[in-house]
Every structure is written in C-alpha cells, then in structure tokens.
Amino acid sequence: MVTDCHSILARLRNNFSQLLNVNGVSDVRQTEIHTAVPLVSKTSAFEVELAIEKLKTRKSPDTDQVPAELIKAGGKTVRSEIYKPINSILNKE
C-alpha cells in the first residue's frame, strides 16, 4: 500500500498517463461519433400547470418582472398563453 504523498501522486500520474495517452487514436472512425440527442422530452399542458402551481409566491420577480402571483391568478387564459411558446420550443420534431 502506498501512503507517501509523492508516491501516490506519481502513481496517479502514471495511471492517468497510460489511460489518456492511448496509441491508435487514428482507429476511431467518423461514423462512430454520434450527435447528442436532446434530453428534453415533450411537455404537456398538465406539466406546465404543475410548474405554475409550484411557483413560490411573495418572491421578487425574475428579469421578466412578472410576479408569480400574477401568473397564478391569471387562470386558464394566462396558463394557455404561457404554454404556447413552451410548446413551440420544446415540442419541435
């Protein structure tokens, strides 16, 4: 067991050097590299409703200067208007 600080660092340096300095990197084919898939799944109006219900009241509004109380008091009309841009952004296929 290695307990000396310098020995531990030397051993870690050696291990990472072996891991990171791999020979044969040219073997990687372009077809093996994939693009990332968006992690955001489709959202529903119900999910937007739940998010609005969870908004904390009596807090300073964000940069949009719209307080949570106003959004919550807006009813279905405001909630559907909030859902429209979210739906158009997140639910594109």
N, C-alpha and C. Protein backbone atom coordinates (compact mmCIF):
# COMPACT_ATOMS: atom_id res chain seq x y z
N MET A 1 0.84 -1.17 0.00
CA MET A 1 0.00 0.00 0.00
C MET A 1 0.89 1.24 0.00
N VAL A 2 0.54 2.19 -0.86
CA VAL A 2 1.32 3.42 -0.98
C VAL A 2 0.69 4.49 -0.09
N THR A 3 1.48 5.03 0.84
CA THR A 3 0.94 6.04 1.75
C THR A 3 1.67 7.37 1.64
N ASP A 4 2.83 7.38 1.03
CA ASP A 4 3.61 8.60 0.86
C ASP A 4 2.92 9.49 -0.18
N CYS A 5 2.75 10.76 0.12
CA CYS A 5 2.04 11.70 -0.76
C CYS A 5 2.68 11.76 -2.16
N HIS A 6 4.00 11.83 -2.22
CA HIS A 6 4.68 11.91 -3.52
C HIS A 6 4.54 10.62 -4.30
N SER A 7 4.56 9.50 -3.62
CA SER A 7 4.38 8.21 -4.30
C SER A 7 2.97 8.08 -4.86
N ILE A 8 1.99 8.55 -4.09
CA ILE A 8 0.60 8.49 -4.56
C ILE A 8 0.44 9.35 -5.81
N LEU A 9 0.98 10.56 -5.78
CA LEU A 9 0.88 11.45 -6.95
C LEU A 9 1.59 10.86 -8.16
N ALA A 10 2.75 10.28 -7.96
CA ALA A 10 3.49 9.66 -9.06
C ALA A 10 2.71 8.49 -9.64
N ARG A 11 2.09 7.71 -8.78
CA ARG A 11 1.33 6.55 -9.25
C ARG A 11 0.09 7.01 -10.02
N LEU A 12 -0.61 8.04 -9.51
CA LEU A 12 -1.77 8.58 -10.22
C LEU A 12 -1.37 9.16 -11.57
N ARG A 13 -0.26 9.91 -11.58
CA ARG A 13 0.23 10.50 -12.83
C ARG A 13 0.52 9.41 -13.86
N ASN A 14 1.14 8.32 -13.42
CA ASN A 14 1.47 7.22 -14.31
C ASN A 14 0.18 6.55 -14.83
N ASN A 15 -0.77 6.31 -13.93
CA ASN A 15 -2.02 5.65 -14.34
C ASN A 15 -2.79 6.50 -15.35
N PHE A 16 -2.93 7.80 -15.07
CA PHE A 16 -3.64 8.66 -15.99
C PHE A 16 -2.89 8.84 -17.30
N SER A 17 -1.60 8.85 -17.25
CA SER A 17 -0.81 8.96 -18.46
C SER A 17 -1.07 7.75 -19.36
N GLN A 18 -1.13 6.58 -18.77
CA GLN A 18 -1.41 5.37 -19.55
C GLN A 18 -2.83 5.37 -20.10
N LEU A 19 -3.77 5.89 -19.32
CA LEU A 19 -5.16 5.92 -19.76
C LEU A 19 -5.40 6.94 -20.86
N LEU A 20 -4.80 8.12 -20.70
CA LEU A 20 -5.09 9.22 -21.61
C LEU A 20 -4.21 9.23 -22.86
N ASN A 21 -3.03 8.68 -22.78
CA ASN A 21 -2.13 8.67 -23.93
C ASN A 21 -2.23 7.32 -24.64
N VAL A 22 -3.39 7.07 -25.20
CA VAL A 22 -3.66 5.80 -25.85
C VAL A 22 -3.11 5.84 -27.27
N ASN A 23 -2.41 4.78 -27.64
CA ASN A 23 -1.93 4.64 -29.02
C ASN A 23 -3.08 4.16 -29.88
N GLY A 24 -3.03 4.50 -31.13
CA GLY A 24 -4.06 4.03 -32.07
C GLY A 24 -5.31 4.88 -32.07
N VAL A 25 -5.18 6.13 -31.74
CA VAL A 25 -6.33 7.02 -31.76
C VAL A 25 -6.86 7.18 -33.17
N SER A 26 -6.02 7.00 -34.15
CA SER A 26 -6.44 7.14 -35.54
C SER A 26 -7.43 6.05 -35.95
N ASP A 27 -7.61 5.02 -35.10
CA ASP A 27 -8.55 3.96 -35.41
C ASP A 27 -10.00 4.39 -35.23
N VAL A 28 -10.22 5.51 -34.59
CA VAL A 28 -11.58 5.98 -34.38
C VAL A 28 -12.16 6.42 -35.71
N ARG A 29 -13.31 5.89 -36.04
CA ARG A 29 -13.95 6.21 -37.31
C ARG A 29 -14.97 7.33 -37.11
N GLN A 30 -15.14 8.13 -38.12
CA GLN A 30 -16.08 9.24 -38.05
C GLN A 30 -17.50 8.73 -37.85
N THR A 31 -17.83 7.57 -38.39
CA THR A 31 -19.19 7.05 -38.27
C THR A 31 -19.52 6.64 -36.84
N GLU A 32 -18.52 6.47 -35.99
CA GLU A 32 -18.76 6.07 -34.62
C GLU A 32 -19.09 7.26 -33.73
N ILE A 33 -18.95 8.45 -34.23
CA ILE A 33 -19.22 9.64 -33.44
C ILE A 33 -20.66 10.06 -33.73
N HIS A 34 -21.47 10.11 -32.68
CA HIS A 34 -22.88 10.44 -32.82
C HIS A 34 -23.16 11.80 -32.21
N THR A 35 -24.17 12.45 -32.73
CA THR A 35 -24.57 13.72 -32.14
C THR A 35 -25.44 13.46 -30.92
N ALA A 36 -25.49 14.43 -30.06
CA ALA A 36 -26.27 14.29 -28.83
C ALA A 36 -27.76 14.38 -29.14
N VAL A 37 -28.52 13.60 -28.43
CA VAL A 37 -29.97 13.63 -28.54
C VAL A 37 -30.49 14.57 -27.44
N PRO A 38 -31.40 15.46 -27.77
CA PRO A 38 -31.91 16.37 -26.74
C PRO A 38 -32.49 15.60 -25.56
N LEU A 39 -32.20 16.05 -24.35
CA LEU A 39 -32.69 15.38 -23.16
C LEU A 39 -34.08 15.86 -22.76
N VAL A 40 -34.55 16.92 -23.37
CA VAL A 40 -35.85 17.46 -23.02
C VAL A 40 -36.91 16.68 -23.79
N SER A 41 -37.80 16.07 -23.04
CA SER A 41 -38.88 15.33 -23.69
C SER A 41 -40.05 16.28 -23.95
N LYS A 42 -41.02 15.78 -24.67
CA LYS A 42 -42.19 16.60 -24.95
C LYS A 42 -42.87 16.96 -23.64
N THR A 43 -43.40 18.16 -23.61
CA THR A 43 -44.09 18.62 -22.41
C THR A 43 -45.58 18.74 -22.68
N SER A 44 -46.34 18.59 -21.64
CA SER A 44 -47.79 18.68 -21.79
C SER A 44 -48.30 19.91 -21.06
N ALA A 45 -49.54 20.27 -21.36
CA ALA A 45 -50.16 21.40 -20.69
C ALA A 45 -50.29 21.10 -19.20
N PHE A 46 -50.50 19.85 -18.85
CA PHE A 46 -50.61 19.45 -17.45
C PHE A 46 -49.30 19.72 -16.71
N GLU A 47 -48.17 19.43 -17.34
CA GLU A 47 -46.87 19.68 -16.73
C GLU A 47 -46.64 21.18 -16.50
N VAL A 48 -47.10 21.99 -17.44
CA VAL A 48 -46.98 23.44 -17.28
C VAL A 48 -47.86 23.90 -16.13
N GLU A 49 -49.06 23.32 -16.02
CA GLU A 49 -49.95 23.63 -14.90
C GLU A 49 -49.27 23.32 -13.58
N LEU A 50 -48.64 22.15 -13.48
CA LEU A 50 -47.96 21.77 -12.25
C LEU A 50 -46.82 22.72 -11.93
N ALA A 51 -46.06 23.12 -12.94
CA ALA A 51 -44.95 24.04 -12.72
C ALA A 51 -45.45 25.40 -12.23
N ILE A 52 -46.56 25.86 -12.78
CA ILE A 52 -47.12 27.13 -12.35
C ILE A 52 -47.61 27.03 -10.91
N GLU A 53 -48.23 25.92 -10.56
CA GLU A 53 -48.70 25.72 -9.19
C GLU A 53 -47.54 25.73 -8.19
N LYS A 54 -46.36 25.27 -8.62
CA LYS A 54 -45.21 25.19 -7.73
C LYS A 54 -44.45 26.51 -7.59
N LEU A 55 -44.84 27.52 -8.37
CA LEU A 55 -44.16 28.82 -8.28
C LEU A 55 -44.30 29.36 -6.86
N LYS A 56 -43.21 29.87 -6.34
CA LYS A 56 -43.22 30.43 -4.98
C LYS A 56 -43.76 31.85 -5.03
N THR A 57 -44.65 32.13 -4.11
CA THR A 57 -45.22 33.46 -4.03
C THR A 57 -44.42 34.31 -3.04
N ARG A 58 -44.69 35.60 -3.07
CA ARG A 58 -44.01 36.57 -2.21
C ARG A 58 -42.50 36.61 -2.43
N LYS A 59 -42.11 36.38 -3.66
CA LYS A 59 -40.69 36.46 -4.05
C LYS A 59 -40.55 37.54 -5.10
N SER A 60 -39.37 38.09 -5.24
CA SER A 60 -39.12 39.10 -6.27
C SER A 60 -39.26 38.45 -7.65
N PRO A 61 -39.87 39.17 -8.58
CA PRO A 61 -39.99 38.62 -9.93
C PRO A 61 -38.63 38.51 -10.61
N ASP A 62 -38.57 37.65 -11.59
CA ASP A 62 -37.35 37.45 -12.36
C ASP A 62 -37.16 38.62 -13.32
N THR A 63 -36.31 38.47 -14.29
CA THR A 63 -36.00 39.56 -15.22
C THR A 63 -37.21 39.98 -16.05
N ASP A 64 -38.21 39.10 -16.17
CA ASP A 64 -39.41 39.47 -16.91
C ASP A 64 -40.33 40.40 -16.11
N GLN A 65 -40.03 40.57 -14.82
CA GLN A 65 -40.79 41.44 -13.93
C GLN A 65 -42.25 41.03 -13.77
N VAL A 66 -42.57 39.74 -14.00
CA VAL A 66 -43.92 39.23 -13.81
C VAL A 66 -43.94 38.42 -12.52
N PRO A 67 -44.65 38.89 -11.51
CA PRO A 67 -44.67 38.15 -10.24
C PRO A 67 -45.46 36.84 -10.37
N ALA A 68 -45.06 35.86 -9.58
CA ALA A 68 -45.72 34.55 -9.60
C ALA A 68 -47.19 34.67 -9.26
N GLU A 69 -47.54 35.61 -8.38
CA GLU A 69 -48.95 35.78 -8.01
C GLU A 69 -49.80 36.14 -9.22
N LEU A 70 -49.26 36.96 -10.12
CA LEU A 70 -50.00 37.36 -11.32
C LEU A 70 -50.21 36.16 -12.24
N ILE A 71 -49.18 35.35 -12.39
CA ILE A 71 -49.30 34.16 -13.25
C ILE A 71 -50.32 33.20 -12.67
N LYS A 72 -50.26 32.99 -11.36
CA LYS A 72 -51.19 32.07 -10.72
C LYS A 72 -52.63 32.59 -10.78
N ALA A 73 -52.81 33.90 -10.65
CA ALA A 73 -54.15 34.47 -10.65
C ALA A 73 -54.73 34.61 -12.06
N GLY A 74 -53.90 34.43 -13.07
CA GLY A 74 -54.33 34.64 -14.45
C GLY A 74 -55.31 33.62 -14.98
N GLY A 75 -55.42 32.49 -14.31
CA GLY A 75 -56.38 31.48 -14.74
C GLY A 75 -55.93 30.73 -15.99
N LYS A 76 -56.90 30.08 -16.61
CA LYS A 76 -56.63 29.22 -17.77
C LYS A 76 -56.11 30.02 -18.96
N THR A 77 -56.57 31.24 -19.11
CA THR A 77 -56.15 32.05 -20.26
C THR A 77 -54.65 32.31 -20.21
N VAL A 78 -54.16 32.76 -19.06
CA VAL A 78 -52.74 33.05 -18.93
C VAL A 78 -51.92 31.76 -19.03
N ARG A 79 -52.42 30.70 -18.42
CA ARG A 79 -51.70 29.43 -18.45
C ARG A 79 -51.58 28.88 -19.87
N SER A 80 -52.64 29.02 -20.65
CA SER A 80 -52.55 28.53 -22.03
C SER A 80 -51.62 29.40 -22.86
N GLU A 81 -51.58 30.72 -22.57
CA GLU A 81 -50.67 31.61 -23.29
C GLU A 81 -49.22 31.32 -22.91
N ILE A 82 -48.98 30.90 -21.69
CA ILE A 82 -47.63 30.52 -21.27
C ILE A 82 -47.23 29.21 -21.93
N TYR A 83 -48.17 28.31 -22.08
CA TYR A 83 -47.90 27.00 -22.66
C TYR A 83 -47.54 27.10 -24.15
N LYS A 84 -48.13 28.02 -24.88
CA LYS A 84 -47.92 28.12 -26.33
C LYS A 84 -46.44 28.24 -26.72
N PRO A 85 -45.68 29.22 -26.17
CA PRO A 85 -44.27 29.29 -26.59
C PRO A 85 -43.44 28.11 -26.09
N ILE A 86 -43.78 27.59 -24.91
CA ILE A 86 -43.07 26.41 -24.40
C ILE A 86 -43.30 25.25 -25.34
N ASN A 87 -44.53 25.08 -25.75
CA ASN A 87 -44.89 24.00 -26.67
C ASN A 87 -44.18 24.15 -28.01
N SER A 88 -44.12 25.37 -28.52
CA SER A 88 -43.47 25.56 -29.82
C SER A 88 -41.96 25.34 -29.77
N ILE A 89 -41.34 25.63 -28.63
CA ILE A 89 -39.89 25.45 -28.50
C ILE A 89 -39.53 24.00 -28.23
N LEU A 90 -40.18 23.40 -27.25
CA LEU A 90 -39.78 22.07 -26.79
C LEU A 90 -40.33 20.92 -27.62
N ASN A 91 -41.44 21.13 -28.26
CA ASN A 91 -42.09 20.02 -28.95
C ASN A 91 -41.84 19.98 -30.44
N LYS A 92 -40.81 20.68 -30.88
CA LYS A 92 -40.43 20.58 -32.29
C LYS A 92 -39.85 19.21 -32.56
N GLU A 93 -40.17 18.66 -33.69
CA GLU A 93 -39.63 17.34 -34.01
C GLU A 93 -38.68 17.42 -35.15
